[in-house]
Amino acid sequence: MKKNMVKTLALAGMAVLTMGALAGCGSNTSESTAAPTTAQSKAEATTAGTSSAETTTAAPAASADLKGSISMVGSTSMEKFATALSEIFMEKYPNVTVQAEFVGSGAGVEAVNNGSADIGNSSRDLKDEEKANGIAENIVAIDGIAVVVDPANAVEDLTKDQLTSIYNGTITNWKDAGGADQPIVVIGRESGSGTRSAFEEILDVADVCKYSNELDSTGAVMAKVASTPGSIGYVSLDVLDDTVKTLKLDGTEATADNIKAGAYFLSRPFVMATKGEISEQNDLVKALFDYIYSDEGTELVKSVGLIPTN
């Protein structure tokens, strides 16, 4: 029953919350982030800045005294993780309800800032101005960004320069990237997406990228790429399936091991932002983070295809 509740609330949240005004690539309103690093350096930074909650190794014991609700709002890329986390946490704490809504990273951080949500899920680094407002960047996992093309595409590998040139409009035909004589259909996420923000920042194309389509969810990108000859897009590592073809980048496959080793350059943090540090939150939120950073929580992170920070 609680499992259905999370999924129902997620769908309802998408209907009732609206995204910020979308802006085309190159707009002054495009999200910018602190320069992303490899997953390896992100994990080191997270370890250095962990709160006391993150040192927990054993999952907290279920308590009949813990009751109430937790609201999470934010990244669509984090839906798989957030839904699994919500379901398991509500099983451990039957008197707790976790409401999860997936409307984009920017909207999630704003919800925390204005007090309408306990946690803002962001699939990008927090901006300096967000941190200045007292928003704490709690990194709970590392995600790789995979580059995908339609299954019929003969290209297997792109260099970073080739990928950059495709997204900034310099390369417009696959024949110039080792493929067939076919126009490239460049697909991306909407302005406000954490995936887009991280991708564009890593490639330094935030002000110059050229999209054929800007879509509002990870699932929409997967479906569009799968059905569009000559298309290319980017998605979270954990959603990959055989409906699309995943490209190597600089000869390196998009795998968790390669991201941990720092060999794969497209990676970003999964952040569960709070207004103030974890230690300043209510008992429900602190218990949720205790679980995330426990051994049991680490296994949950791995089970949904993400990389733990500890």
Protein backbone atom coordinates (compact mmCIF):
# COMPACT_ATOMS: atom_id res chain seq x y z
CA MET A 1 0.00 0.00 0.00
CA LYS A 2 2.82 2.42 0.88
CA LYS A 3 4.58 1.47 -2.31
CA ASN A 4 1.53 2.53 -4.32
CA MET A 5 1.33 5.72 -2.26
CA VAL A 6 4.83 6.81 -3.30
CA LYS A 7 4.16 6.16 -6.95
CA THR A 8 0.79 7.92 -6.82
CA LEU A 9 2.27 10.93 -5.07
CA ALA A 10 5.12 11.06 -7.57
CA LEU A 11 2.65 11.23 -10.47
CA ALA A 12 0.47 13.75 -8.71
CA GLY A 13 3.47 15.96 -7.97
CA MET A 14 4.37 16.09 -11.61
CA ALA A 15 0.88 17.29 -12.43
CA VAL A 16 0.58 19.97 -9.79
CA LEU A 17 4.07 21.44 -9.66
CA THR A 18 5.28 23.44 -12.61
CA MET A 19 8.77 23.88 -13.81
CA GLY A 20 10.47 27.25 -14.03
CA ALA A 21 10.35 29.03 -17.33
CA LEU A 22 12.28 27.01 -19.84
CA ALA A 23 15.09 28.72 -21.67
CA GLY A 24 16.92 27.64 -24.81
CA CYS A 25 20.55 26.73 -24.66
CA GLY A 26 22.69 29.83 -24.45
CA SER A 27 20.06 31.77 -22.49
CA ASN A 28 21.17 33.78 -19.51
CA THR A 29 18.75 31.68 -17.43
CA SER A 30 20.53 28.41 -18.22
CA GLU A 31 21.61 26.56 -15.07
CA SER A 32 25.29 26.74 -14.27
CA THR A 33 27.13 24.67 -11.72
CA ALA A 34 30.48 24.55 -10.06
CA ALA A 35 32.87 22.72 -12.37
CA PRO A 36 32.04 19.01 -12.01
CA THR A 37 34.88 16.64 -11.27
CA THR A 38 35.28 12.93 -11.74
CA ALA A 39 33.28 10.60 -9.54
CA GLN A 40 36.44 9.69 -7.69
CA SER A 41 37.15 13.27 -6.62
CA LYS A 42 33.47 13.84 -5.78
CA ALA A 43 33.50 10.83 -3.49
CA GLU A 44 36.64 12.14 -1.79
CA ALA A 45 35.03 15.55 -1.33
CA THR A 46 31.93 13.96 0.10
CA THR A 47 33.95 11.92 2.56
CA ALA A 48 35.83 15.02 3.67
CA GLY A 49 32.62 16.94 4.26
CA THR A 50 30.36 14.29 5.75
CA SER A 51 28.16 15.05 8.68
CA SER A 52 27.94 12.89 11.78
CA ALA A 53 25.01 11.06 10.20
CA GLU A 54 27.26 9.82 7.42
CA THR A 55 29.55 7.93 9.76
CA THR A 56 26.76 5.53 10.67
CA THR A 57 27.46 1.98 9.49
CA ALA A 58 24.47 0.08 10.84
CA ALA A 59 20.92 0.86 9.69
CA PRO A 60 18.86 2.49 12.45
CA ALA A 61 16.48 0.16 14.25
CA ALA A 62 12.80 0.54 13.42
CA SER A 63 10.98 2.59 16.04
CA ALA A 64 7.27 2.69 16.77
CA ASP A 65 7.80 6.21 18.12
CA LEU A 66 8.90 7.62 14.76
CA LYS A 67 5.87 8.96 12.92
CA GLY A 68 4.93 11.73 10.53
CA SER A 69 5.78 12.61 6.94
CA ILE A 70 8.82 13.58 4.89
CA SER A 71 8.50 15.50 1.63
CA MET A 72 11.06 15.14 -1.16
CA VAL A 73 10.88 17.20 -4.34
CA GLY A 74 13.28 17.38 -7.28
CA SER A 75 15.28 15.59 -9.95
CA THR A 76 13.54 13.20 -12.34
CA SER A 77 16.90 11.44 -12.75
CA MET A 78 16.77 10.51 -9.07
CA GLU A 79 13.28 8.97 -9.29
CA LYS A 80 14.44 5.35 -9.28
CA PHE A 81 16.63 5.87 -6.22
CA ALA A 82 14.18 8.12 -4.36
CA THR A 83 11.26 5.75 -4.93
CA ALA A 84 13.23 2.71 -3.74
CA LEU A 85 14.46 4.64 -0.70
CA SER A 86 10.94 5.82 0.16
CA GLU A 87 9.45 2.34 -0.07
CA ILE A 88 12.10 0.70 2.09
CA PHE A 89 12.07 3.49 4.67
CA MET A 90 8.29 3.27 5.04
CA GLU A 91 8.55 -0.49 5.49
CA LYS A 92 11.03 0.05 8.33
CA TYR A 93 8.94 2.83 9.84
CA PRO A 94 5.25 1.98 9.27
CA ASN A 95 4.06 5.24 10.85
CA VAL A 96 6.10 7.38 8.48
CA THR A 97 4.94 8.56 5.06
CA VAL A 98 7.48 9.69 2.45
CA GLN A 99 6.03 11.91 -0.27
CA ALA A 100 8.23 11.99 -3.38
CA GLU A 101 7.65 14.34 -6.31
CA PHE A 102 9.84 14.50 -9.42
CA VAL A 103 9.81 17.90 -11.10
CA GLY A 104 13.46 18.77 -11.78
CA SER A 105 16.54 19.71 -9.75
CA GLY A 106 16.02 23.46 -9.80
CA ALA A 107 12.44 23.12 -8.55
CA GLY A 108 13.59 20.75 -5.81
CA VAL A 109 16.23 23.11 -4.45
CA GLU A 110 13.75 26.00 -4.56
CA ALA A 111 11.18 23.92 -2.65
CA VAL A 112 13.69 23.38 0.15
CA ASN A 113 14.65 27.04 0.12
CA ASN A 114 11.05 28.25 0.44
CA GLY A 115 10.16 25.65 3.05
CA SER A 116 7.64 23.66 1.01
CA ALA A 117 9.77 20.48 1.09
CA ASP A 118 12.07 18.82 3.61
CA ILE A 119 14.51 17.56 0.97
CA GLY A 120 15.37 18.83 -2.50
CA ASN A 121 16.74 16.15 -4.81
CA SER A 122 19.29 17.57 -7.23
CA SER A 123 21.27 15.68 -9.86
CA ARG A 124 23.88 18.42 -10.03
CA ASP A 125 26.15 20.36 -7.71
CA LEU A 126 24.45 23.16 -5.84
CA LYS A 127 25.13 26.65 -7.10
CA ASP A 128 27.06 29.10 -4.96
CA GLU A 129 23.97 31.28 -4.58
CA GLU A 130 21.94 28.27 -3.38
CA LYS A 131 24.56 27.44 -0.76
CA ALA A 132 24.61 31.10 0.27
CA ASN A 133 20.91 30.74 1.12
CA GLY A 134 21.79 28.10 3.69
CA ILE A 135 21.10 25.04 1.53
CA ALA A 136 23.31 22.09 2.51
CA GLU A 137 24.70 19.87 -0.26
CA ASN A 138 24.32 16.30 1.02
CA ILE A 139 25.80 13.99 -1.62
CA VAL A 140 24.21 10.54 -1.31
CA ALA A 141 25.49 8.83 -4.48
CA ILE A 142 27.46 9.32 -7.69
CA ASP A 143 25.80 8.86 -11.06
CA GLY A 144 27.36 8.50 -14.46
CA ILE A 145 25.90 10.27 -17.48
CA ALA A 146 25.73 7.93 -20.45
CA VAL A 147 25.69 9.07 -24.08
CA VAL A 148 23.19 7.09 -26.13
CA VAL A 149 22.30 6.80 -29.81
CA ASP A 150 19.67 4.89 -31.75
CA PRO A 151 20.40 1.14 -31.99
CA ALA A 152 21.13 1.21 -35.71
CA ASN A 153 23.96 3.74 -35.39
CA ALA A 154 27.31 2.19 -36.35
CA VAL A 155 29.39 4.55 -34.18
CA GLU A 156 30.86 2.85 -31.10
CA ASP A 157 33.03 5.54 -29.53
CA LEU A 158 33.33 9.33 -29.41
CA THR A 159 36.15 11.48 -28.13
CA LYS A 160 35.35 14.32 -25.76
CA ASP A 161 36.15 16.77 -28.56
CA GLN A 162 33.76 15.00 -30.95
CA LEU A 163 30.97 14.97 -28.36
CA THR A 164 31.51 18.65 -27.65
CA SER A 165 31.48 19.45 -31.38
CA ILE A 166 28.20 17.59 -31.84
CA TYR A 167 26.49 19.50 -29.06
CA ASN A 168 27.88 22.91 -30.05
CA GLY A 169 26.80 22.39 -33.65
CA THR A 170 30.25 22.08 -35.25
CA ILE A 171 29.63 18.44 -36.27
CA THR A 172 26.17 17.96 -37.76
CA ASN A 173 26.58 14.72 -39.72
CA TRP A 174 27.62 11.30 -38.42
CA LYS A 175 30.08 10.86 -41.30
CA ASP A 176 32.29 13.44 -39.56
CA ALA A 177 32.33 11.35 -36.38
CA GLY A 178 33.12 7.97 -37.93
CA GLY A 179 29.58 7.02 -38.88
CA ALA A 180 27.26 6.96 -41.88
CA ASP A 181 26.29 9.95 -44.02
CA GLN A 182 23.33 10.88 -41.83
CA PRO A 183 22.24 14.11 -40.10
CA ILE A 184 22.70 14.16 -36.33
CA VAL A 185 19.54 14.77 -34.30
CA VAL A 186 20.75 16.32 -31.04
CA ILE A 187 18.48 15.57 -28.09
CA GLY A 188 18.80 17.01 -24.59
CA ARG A 189 16.92 17.83 -21.42
CA GLU A 190 15.00 21.00 -20.62
CA SER A 191 16.52 24.04 -18.92
CA GLY A 192 16.41 23.39 -15.19
CA SER A 193 17.39 19.73 -15.55
CA GLY A 194 20.29 18.68 -13.35
CA THR A 195 21.40 16.18 -15.98
CA ARG A 196 21.57 18.91 -18.62
CA SER A 197 23.33 21.32 -16.29
CA ALA A 198 26.02 18.78 -15.37
CA PHE A 199 26.45 17.56 -18.96
CA GLU A 200 26.81 21.06 -20.42
CA GLU A 201 29.17 22.20 -17.67
CA ILE A 202 31.48 19.20 -18.11
CA LEU A 203 31.66 19.77 -21.88
CA ASP A 204 31.70 23.59 -21.56
CA VAL A 205 28.78 23.98 -23.98
CA ALA A 206 26.29 25.73 -21.70
CA ASP A 207 26.11 28.86 -23.84
CA VAL A 208 26.56 27.34 -27.28
CA CYS A 209 24.76 23.99 -27.45
CA LYS A 210 22.37 23.29 -30.31
CA TYR A 211 19.40 21.04 -29.57
CA SER A 212 16.91 19.60 -32.02
CA ASN A 213 14.68 18.56 -29.09
CA GLU A 214 14.62 19.56 -25.41
CA LEU A 215 12.64 17.01 -23.38
CA ASP A 216 11.35 17.16 -19.82
CA SER A 217 12.30 13.74 -18.43
CA THR A 218 14.93 11.01 -18.63
CA GLY A 219 12.32 8.56 -19.93
CA ALA A 220 11.35 10.94 -22.74
CA VAL A 221 15.00 11.19 -23.85
CA MET A 222 15.35 7.40 -23.89
CA ALA A 223 12.16 6.97 -25.92
CA LYS A 224 13.05 9.71 -28.41
CA VAL A 225 16.58 8.41 -29.02
CA ALA A 226 15.33 4.81 -29.39
CA SER A 227 12.83 5.82 -32.06
CA THR A 228 14.75 8.50 -33.97
CA PRO A 229 17.38 7.51 -36.60
CA GLY A 230 20.57 9.55 -36.28
CA SER A 231 19.74 10.77 -32.78
CA ILE A 232 22.04 11.26 -29.80
CA GLY A 233 21.16 12.02 -26.18
CA TYR A 234 22.36 11.78 -22.59
CA VAL A 235 20.79 9.98 -19.63
CA SER A 236 21.63 8.66 -16.18
CA LEU A 237 23.67 5.48 -16.10
CA ASP A 238 21.07 3.63 -14.03
CA VAL A 239 18.30 3.86 -16.66
CA LEU A 240 20.22 2.24 -19.52
CA ASP A 241 18.57 -0.63 -21.36
CA ASP A 242 18.75 -2.35 -24.74
CA THR A 243 16.34 0.07 -26.45
CA VAL A 244 19.32 2.36 -27.11
CA LYS A 245 23.02 1.97 -27.84
CA THR A 246 25.47 3.31 -25.26
CA LEU A 247 28.65 4.86 -26.64
CA LYS A 248 32.14 4.64 -25.22
CA LEU A 249 33.77 8.00 -24.52
CA ASP A 250 37.49 8.34 -25.19
CA GLY A 251 37.54 4.54 -25.46
CA THR A 252 36.04 4.05 -21.99
CA GLU A 253 32.73 2.34 -21.23
CA ALA A 254 30.15 3.99 -18.99
CA THR A 255 30.42 1.67 -15.97
CA ALA A 256 30.47 2.17 -12.22
CA ASP A 257 33.99 0.76 -11.97
CA ASN A 258 35.31 3.20 -14.58
CA ILE A 259 33.60 6.12 -12.86
CA LYS A 260 35.06 5.13 -9.48
CA ALA A 261 38.49 4.91 -11.09
CA GLY A 262 38.12 8.39 -12.57
CA ALA A 263 38.50 7.02 -16.10
CA TYR A 264 35.06 8.10 -17.36
CA PHE A 265 34.63 11.86 -17.51
CA LEU A 266 30.83 12.21 -17.53
CA SER A 267 29.72 11.84 -13.91
CA ARG A 268 27.75 13.93 -11.42
CA PRO A 269 26.55 13.84 -7.80
CA PHE A 270 23.11 12.92 -6.56
CA VAL A 271 22.35 15.50 -3.88
CA MET A 272 19.60 15.45 -1.25
CA ALA A 273 19.66 19.10 -0.22
CA THR A 274 18.36 20.37 3.10
CA LYS A 275 17.84 23.83 4.58
CA GLY A 276 20.75 23.73 7.00
CA GLU A 277 22.92 20.78 7.95
CA ILE A 278 21.50 17.29 8.55
CA SER A 279 22.06 17.72 12.29
CA GLU A 280 19.64 20.67 12.22
CA GLN A 281 16.76 18.71 10.68
CA ASN A 282 13.80 17.08 12.42
CA ASP A 283 14.06 13.50 13.71
CA LEU A 284 12.36 12.02 10.63
CA VAL A 285 14.79 13.59 8.19
CA LYS A 286 17.79 12.71 10.36
CA ALA A 287 16.59 9.09 10.51
CA LEU A 288 16.30 9.00 6.72
CA PHE A 289 19.89 10.18 6.28
CA ASP A 290 21.05 7.76 8.97
CA TYR A 291 19.58 5.00 6.83
CA ILE A 292 21.09 6.31 3.56
CA TYR A 293 24.59 6.38 5.02
CA SER A 294 24.26 2.99 6.76
CA ASP A 295 25.57 -0.27 5.30
CA GLU A 296 22.02 -1.17 4.33
CA GLY A 297 21.58 2.18 2.60
CA THR A 298 24.84 1.67 0.73
CA GLU A 299 23.50 -1.60 -0.65
CA LEU A 300 20.35 0.19 -1.75
CA VAL A 301 22.44 2.75 -3.65
CA LYS A 302 24.27 -0.06 -5.42
CA SER A 303 21.04 -1.93 -6.19
CA VAL A 304 19.70 0.92 -8.33
CA GLY A 305 22.89 1.22 -10.36
CA LEU A 306 24.50 4.13 -8.51
CA ILE A 307 27.88 4.51 -6.83
CA PRO A 308 28.03 4.95 -3.04
CA THR A 309 30.03 7.83 -1.59
CA ASN A 310 31.46 5.73 1.24
